[in-house]
């Protein structure tokens, strides 16, 4: 069952995506608001999160065998995370810790495939 808008997991994951893309855009593109490319990526990420087949038990994306992002979008997110991930701990320590726990937690210990 896909994540719902009122799901705590959905809200937290979306908040994390917004935070990391915003930090990246501000540093790389210099604006206070998201540029059109970064906004488009955030919209894409939200759509994919909203339609995740794992629902509430979704693993961290890096631990999932079902890649719902296109190859180019996956590469884009990897670049953003590698450039911005370390700064997330300073700007959003709670979100960073929760993401880390998701990565090493129960769902993160084994690859999860499609149901």
N, C-alpha and C. Protein backbone atom coordinates (compact mmCIF):
# COMPACT_ATOMS: atom_id res chain seq x y z
N UNK A 1 0.85 -1.18 0.00
CA UNK A 1 0.00 0.00 0.00
C UNK A 1 0.89 1.24 0.00
N UNK A 2 0.69 2.17 -0.93
CA UNK A 2 1.50 3.39 -1.00
C UNK A 2 1.38 4.22 0.27
N UNK A 3 2.36 5.06 0.49
CA UNK A 3 2.32 5.98 1.63
C UNK A 3 1.22 7.00 1.41
N UNK A 4 0.57 7.41 2.48
CA UNK A 4 -0.47 8.43 2.38
C UNK A 4 0.09 9.76 2.86
N UNK A 5 -0.54 10.85 2.45
CA UNK A 5 -0.07 12.18 2.82
C UNK A 5 -0.02 12.40 4.33
N UNK A 6 -0.90 11.73 5.08
CA UNK A 6 -0.92 11.93 6.52
C UNK A 6 0.00 10.96 7.26
N UNK A 7 0.70 10.13 6.52
CA UNK A 7 1.64 9.19 7.11
C UNK A 7 2.85 9.94 7.67
N UNK A 8 3.26 9.61 8.89
CA UNK A 8 4.45 10.24 9.49
C UNK A 8 5.68 9.94 8.64
N UNK A 9 5.76 8.72 8.13
CA UNK A 9 6.92 8.34 7.31
C UNK A 9 6.99 9.19 6.04
N UNK A 10 5.84 9.34 5.38
CA UNK A 10 5.78 10.15 4.16
C UNK A 10 6.21 11.58 4.46
N UNK A 11 5.66 12.17 5.50
CA UNK A 11 5.96 13.56 5.84
C UNK A 11 7.44 13.73 6.17
N UNK A 12 8.03 12.78 6.92
CA UNK A 12 9.43 12.89 7.28
C UNK A 12 10.33 12.73 6.06
N UNK A 13 10.05 11.76 5.22
CA UNK A 13 10.86 11.55 4.02
C UNK A 13 10.77 12.74 3.07
N UNK A 14 9.59 13.29 2.93
CA UNK A 14 9.41 14.46 2.06
C UNK A 14 10.15 15.67 2.64
N UNK A 15 10.07 15.85 3.95
CA UNK A 15 10.78 16.94 4.61
C UNK A 15 12.29 16.80 4.40
N UNK A 16 12.79 15.58 4.48
CA UNK A 16 14.22 15.33 4.27
C UNK A 16 14.61 15.65 2.83
N UNK A 17 13.79 15.23 1.87
CA UNK A 17 14.08 15.52 0.46
C UNK A 17 14.08 17.02 0.21
N UNK A 18 13.11 17.72 0.75
CA UNK A 18 13.05 19.18 0.58
C UNK A 18 14.30 19.84 1.16
N UNK A 19 14.70 19.38 2.34
CA UNK A 19 15.85 19.98 3.02
C UNK A 19 17.13 19.78 2.22
N UNK A 20 17.37 18.57 1.77
CA UNK A 20 18.64 18.31 1.07
C UNK A 20 18.68 19.00 -0.29
N UNK A 21 17.56 18.99 -1.01
CA UNK A 21 17.53 19.67 -2.31
C UNK A 21 17.64 21.18 -2.13
N UNK A 22 17.03 21.71 -1.09
CA UNK A 22 17.12 23.15 -0.82
C UNK A 22 18.55 23.57 -0.49
N UNK A 23 19.21 22.80 0.37
CA UNK A 23 20.62 23.11 0.71
C UNK A 23 21.49 23.06 -0.54
N UNK A 24 21.28 22.05 -1.35
CA UNK A 24 22.06 21.89 -2.58
C UNK A 24 21.82 23.08 -3.52
N UNK A 25 20.56 23.41 -3.76
CA UNK A 25 20.22 24.46 -4.72
C UNK A 25 20.76 25.81 -4.25
N UNK A 26 20.61 26.08 -2.96
CA UNK A 26 21.09 27.35 -2.43
C UNK A 26 22.60 27.49 -2.65
N UNK A 27 23.33 26.40 -2.42
CA UNK A 27 24.79 26.46 -2.55
C UNK A 27 25.24 26.46 -4.02
N UNK A 28 24.63 25.61 -4.83
CA UNK A 28 25.07 25.45 -6.21
C UNK A 28 24.47 26.47 -7.17
N UNK A 29 23.25 26.92 -6.89
CA UNK A 29 22.56 27.81 -7.83
C UNK A 29 22.31 29.20 -7.26
N UNK A 30 22.60 29.40 -5.98
CA UNK A 30 22.62 30.73 -5.39
C UNK A 30 21.32 31.41 -5.05
N UNK A 31 20.20 30.79 -5.28
CA UNK A 31 18.94 31.47 -4.98
C UNK A 31 18.37 31.09 -3.63
N UNK A 32 17.47 31.92 -3.14
CA UNK A 32 16.79 31.61 -1.89
C UNK A 32 15.67 30.60 -2.13
N UNK A 33 15.10 30.65 -3.31
CA UNK A 33 14.05 29.70 -3.71
C UNK A 33 14.68 28.63 -4.60
N UNK A 34 14.01 27.50 -4.71
CA UNK A 34 14.50 26.45 -5.60
C UNK A 34 14.45 26.92 -7.05
N UNK A 35 15.50 26.62 -7.79
CA UNK A 35 15.48 26.91 -9.22
C UNK A 35 14.52 25.93 -9.89
N UNK A 36 14.21 26.14 -11.13
CA UNK A 36 13.23 25.29 -11.81
C UNK A 36 13.70 23.84 -11.90
N UNK A 37 15.00 23.61 -12.12
CA UNK A 37 15.50 22.23 -12.21
C UNK A 37 15.39 21.51 -10.88
N UNK A 38 15.75 22.19 -9.80
CA UNK A 38 15.68 21.57 -8.48
C UNK A 38 14.22 21.36 -8.06
N UNK A 39 13.34 22.29 -8.40
CA UNK A 39 11.92 22.12 -8.09
C UNK A 39 11.35 20.93 -8.85
N UNK A 40 11.77 20.78 -10.09
CA UNK A 40 11.32 19.65 -10.90
C UNK A 40 11.79 18.32 -10.28
N UNK A 41 13.03 18.29 -9.80
CA UNK A 41 13.55 17.09 -9.15
C UNK A 41 12.78 16.79 -7.87
N UNK A 42 12.49 17.81 -7.08
CA UNK A 42 11.72 17.62 -5.86
C UNK A 42 10.32 17.09 -6.17
N UNK A 43 9.68 17.63 -7.19
CA UNK A 43 8.36 17.14 -7.60
C UNK A 43 8.43 15.67 -8.02
N UNK A 44 9.48 15.33 -8.75
CA UNK A 44 9.69 13.95 -9.19
C UNK A 44 9.87 13.03 -7.98
N UNK A 45 10.71 13.45 -7.03
CA UNK A 45 10.97 12.65 -5.83
C UNK A 45 9.69 12.47 -5.01
N UNK A 46 8.89 13.53 -4.90
CA UNK A 46 7.64 13.44 -4.15
C UNK A 46 6.68 12.46 -4.81
N UNK A 47 6.59 12.51 -6.12
CA UNK A 47 5.71 11.59 -6.85
C UNK A 47 6.16 10.15 -6.63
N UNK A 48 7.46 9.91 -6.71
CA UNK A 48 7.98 8.56 -6.50
C UNK A 48 7.75 8.09 -5.07
N UNK A 49 7.95 8.97 -4.11
CA UNK A 49 7.72 8.63 -2.70
C UNK A 49 6.25 8.32 -2.48
N UNK A 50 5.39 9.13 -3.04
CA UNK A 50 3.95 8.95 -2.88
C UNK A 50 3.49 7.59 -3.44
N UNK A 51 4.17 7.10 -4.47
CA UNK A 51 3.77 5.85 -5.11
C UNK A 51 4.64 4.66 -4.73
N UNK A 52 5.45 4.79 -3.69
CA UNK A 52 6.33 3.69 -3.27
C UNK A 52 5.49 2.45 -2.96
N UNK A 53 5.86 1.34 -3.57
CA UNK A 53 5.09 0.10 -3.39
C UNK A 53 5.26 -0.51 -2.00
N UNK A 54 6.27 -0.08 -1.26
CA UNK A 54 6.52 -0.65 0.07
C UNK A 54 5.73 0.03 1.17
N UNK A 55 5.19 1.20 0.90
CA UNK A 55 4.38 1.89 1.88
C UNK A 55 5.14 2.18 3.17
N UNK A 56 4.50 1.95 4.30
CA UNK A 56 5.07 2.27 5.61
C UNK A 56 6.32 1.48 5.94
N UNK A 57 6.53 0.35 5.29
CA UNK A 57 7.72 -0.46 5.59
C UNK A 57 8.82 -0.24 4.56
N UNK A 58 8.76 0.86 3.85
CA UNK A 58 9.74 1.12 2.80
C UNK A 58 11.13 1.21 3.39
N UNK A 59 12.07 0.63 2.69
CA UNK A 59 13.47 0.75 3.12
C UNK A 59 14.03 2.09 2.66
N UNK A 60 15.21 2.41 3.13
CA UNK A 60 15.91 3.56 2.56
C UNK A 60 16.11 3.23 1.08
N UNK A 61 15.97 4.20 0.22
CA UNK A 61 16.04 3.96 -1.22
C UNK A 61 17.32 3.23 -1.63
N UNK A 62 18.43 3.54 -0.97
CA UNK A 62 19.69 2.90 -1.31
C UNK A 62 19.67 1.40 -1.01
N UNK A 63 18.76 0.95 -0.17
CA UNK A 63 18.66 -0.46 0.18
C UNK A 63 17.53 -1.20 -0.54
N UNK A 64 16.91 -0.54 -1.47
CA UNK A 64 15.77 -1.12 -2.17
C UNK A 64 16.20 -1.70 -3.51
N UNK A 65 15.68 -2.86 -3.84
CA UNK A 65 16.01 -3.47 -5.13
C UNK A 65 15.09 -2.98 -6.24
N UNK A 66 14.01 -2.32 -5.87
CA UNK A 66 13.08 -1.78 -6.86
C UNK A 66 13.43 -0.31 -7.07
N UNK A 67 14.13 -0.02 -8.14
CA UNK A 67 14.53 1.36 -8.39
C UNK A 67 13.42 2.07 -9.14
N UNK A 68 12.73 2.94 -8.43
CA UNK A 68 11.61 3.65 -9.06
C UNK A 68 12.06 4.96 -9.70
N UNK A 69 13.30 5.40 -9.42
CA UNK A 69 13.84 6.58 -10.09
C UNK A 69 14.47 6.13 -11.41
N UNK A 70 14.36 6.98 -12.41
CA UNK A 70 15.06 6.69 -13.66
C UNK A 70 16.57 6.76 -13.37
N UNK A 71 17.35 6.15 -14.23
CA UNK A 71 18.80 6.12 -14.02
C UNK A 71 19.38 7.54 -13.89
N UNK A 72 18.94 8.45 -14.75
CA UNK A 72 19.48 9.82 -14.71
C UNK A 72 19.09 10.53 -13.41
N UNK A 73 17.87 10.32 -12.94
CA UNK A 73 17.42 10.95 -11.69
C UNK A 73 18.16 10.35 -10.49
N UNK A 74 18.41 9.04 -10.54
CA UNK A 74 19.19 8.40 -9.46
C UNK A 74 20.58 9.01 -9.38
N UNK A 75 21.21 9.21 -10.52
CA UNK A 75 22.54 9.81 -10.55
C UNK A 75 22.50 11.25 -10.03
N UNK A 76 21.46 11.96 -10.41
CA UNK A 76 21.29 13.34 -9.94
C UNK A 76 21.18 13.38 -8.41
N UNK A 77 20.37 12.47 -7.85
CA UNK A 77 20.21 12.43 -6.40
C UNK A 77 21.50 12.01 -5.71
N UNK A 78 22.23 11.08 -6.30
CA UNK A 78 23.52 10.67 -5.72
C UNK A 78 24.47 11.86 -5.64
N UNK A 79 24.52 12.64 -6.70
CA UNK A 79 25.38 13.81 -6.72
C UNK A 79 24.97 14.81 -5.64
N UNK A 80 23.68 15.07 -5.55
CA UNK A 80 23.16 16.00 -4.55
C UNK A 80 23.49 15.51 -3.15
N UNK A 81 23.26 14.24 -2.91
CA UNK A 81 23.51 13.70 -1.57
C UNK A 81 25.00 13.69 -1.23
N UNK A 82 25.84 13.41 -2.20
CA UNK A 82 27.27 13.41 -1.90
C UNK A 82 27.79 14.82 -1.63
N UNK A 83 27.25 15.81 -2.31
CA UNK A 83 27.69 17.19 -2.10
C UNK A 83 27.06 17.83 -0.87
N UNK A 84 25.85 17.41 -0.54
CA UNK A 84 25.10 18.08 0.51
C UNK A 84 24.92 17.25 1.77
N UNK A 85 25.01 15.95 1.65
CA UNK A 85 24.78 15.07 2.80
C UNK A 85 25.53 15.46 4.05
N UNK A 86 26.84 15.70 3.96
CA UNK A 86 27.58 16.07 5.18
C UNK A 86 27.08 17.37 5.83
N UNK A 87 26.60 18.30 5.04
CA UNK A 87 26.07 19.56 5.58
C UNK A 87 24.71 19.38 6.23
N UNK A 88 24.00 18.33 5.85
CA UNK A 88 22.69 18.07 6.44
C UNK A 88 22.79 17.90 7.95
N UNK A 89 23.87 17.27 8.42
CA UNK A 89 24.03 17.03 9.85
C UNK A 89 24.08 18.34 10.64
N UNK A 90 24.63 19.38 10.03
CA UNK A 90 24.71 20.68 10.70
C UNK A 90 23.38 21.43 10.65
N UNK A 91 22.72 21.36 9.51
CA UNK A 91 21.49 22.12 9.31
C UNK A 91 20.23 21.40 9.79
N UNK A 92 20.23 20.08 9.69
CA UNK A 92 19.05 19.29 10.05
C UNK A 92 19.49 18.00 10.75
N UNK A 93 20.02 18.10 11.97
CA UNK A 93 20.56 16.91 12.64
C UNK A 93 19.51 15.82 12.89
N UNK A 94 18.30 16.20 13.22
CA UNK A 94 17.26 15.21 13.48
C UNK A 94 16.90 14.41 12.24
N UNK A 95 16.73 15.09 11.13
CA UNK A 95 16.42 14.40 9.87
C UNK A 95 17.58 13.51 9.44
N UNK A 96 18.81 14.00 9.64
CA UNK A 96 19.99 13.23 9.27
C UNK A 96 20.07 11.95 10.09
N UNK A 97 19.85 12.07 11.40
CA UNK A 97 19.89 10.90 12.27
C UNK A 97 18.81 9.90 11.88
N UNK A 98 17.61 10.38 11.62
CA UNK A 98 16.53 9.46 11.24
C UNK A 98 16.83 8.77 9.93
N UNK A 99 17.40 9.49 8.97
CA UNK A 99 17.77 8.87 7.69
C UNK A 99 18.85 7.81 7.92
N UNK A 100 19.82 8.12 8.75
CA UNK A 100 20.88 7.16 9.07
C UNK A 100 20.28 5.90 9.70
N UNK A 101 19.35 6.08 10.63
CA UNK A 101 18.71 4.93 11.27
C UNK A 101 17.90 4.12 10.26
N UNK A 102 17.26 4.79 9.32
CA UNK A 102 16.52 4.08 8.27
C UNK A 102 17.48 3.23 7.44
N UNK A 103 18.66 3.76 7.19
CA UNK A 103 19.64 3.05 6.35
C UNK A 103 20.21 1.82 7.04
N UNK A 104 20.39 1.89 8.35
CA UNK A 104 20.98 0.74 9.05
C UNK A 104 19.94 -0.07 9.81
N UNK A 105 18.72 0.41 9.86
CA UNK A 105 17.66 -0.25 10.61
C UNK A 105 17.23 -1.57 10.02
N UNK A 106 16.15 -2.08 10.53
CA UNK A 106 15.61 -3.39 10.13
C UNK A 106 15.48 -3.52 8.62
N UNK A 107 14.89 -2.51 7.98
CA UNK A 107 14.72 -2.57 6.52
C UNK A 107 16.05 -2.40 5.81
N UNK A 108 17.01 -1.75 6.45
CA UNK A 108 18.29 -1.50 5.81
C UNK A 108 19.26 -2.66 5.88
N UNK A 109 18.97 -3.66 6.71
CA UNK A 109 19.90 -4.78 6.88
C UNK A 109 19.86 -5.78 5.73
N UNK A 110 18.77 -5.79 5.01
CA UNK A 110 18.71 -6.68 3.85
C UNK A 110 18.02 -5.95 2.72
N UNK A 111 18.38 -6.32 1.54
CA UNK A 111 17.73 -5.72 0.37
C UNK A 111 16.28 -6.18 0.32
N UNK A 112 15.39 -5.27 0.04
CA UNK A 112 13.97 -5.59 -0.06
C UNK A 112 13.56 -5.50 -1.49
N UNK A 113 12.92 -6.54 -1.97
CA UNK A 113 12.46 -6.56 -3.36
C UNK A 113 10.96 -6.28 -3.40
N UNK A 114 10.42 -6.26 -4.59
CA UNK A 114 9.00 -5.98 -4.79
C UNK A 114 8.16 -7.04 -4.07
N UNK A 115 7.01 -6.63 -3.51
CA UNK A 115 6.13 -7.58 -2.82
C UNK A 115 5.51 -8.58 -3.78
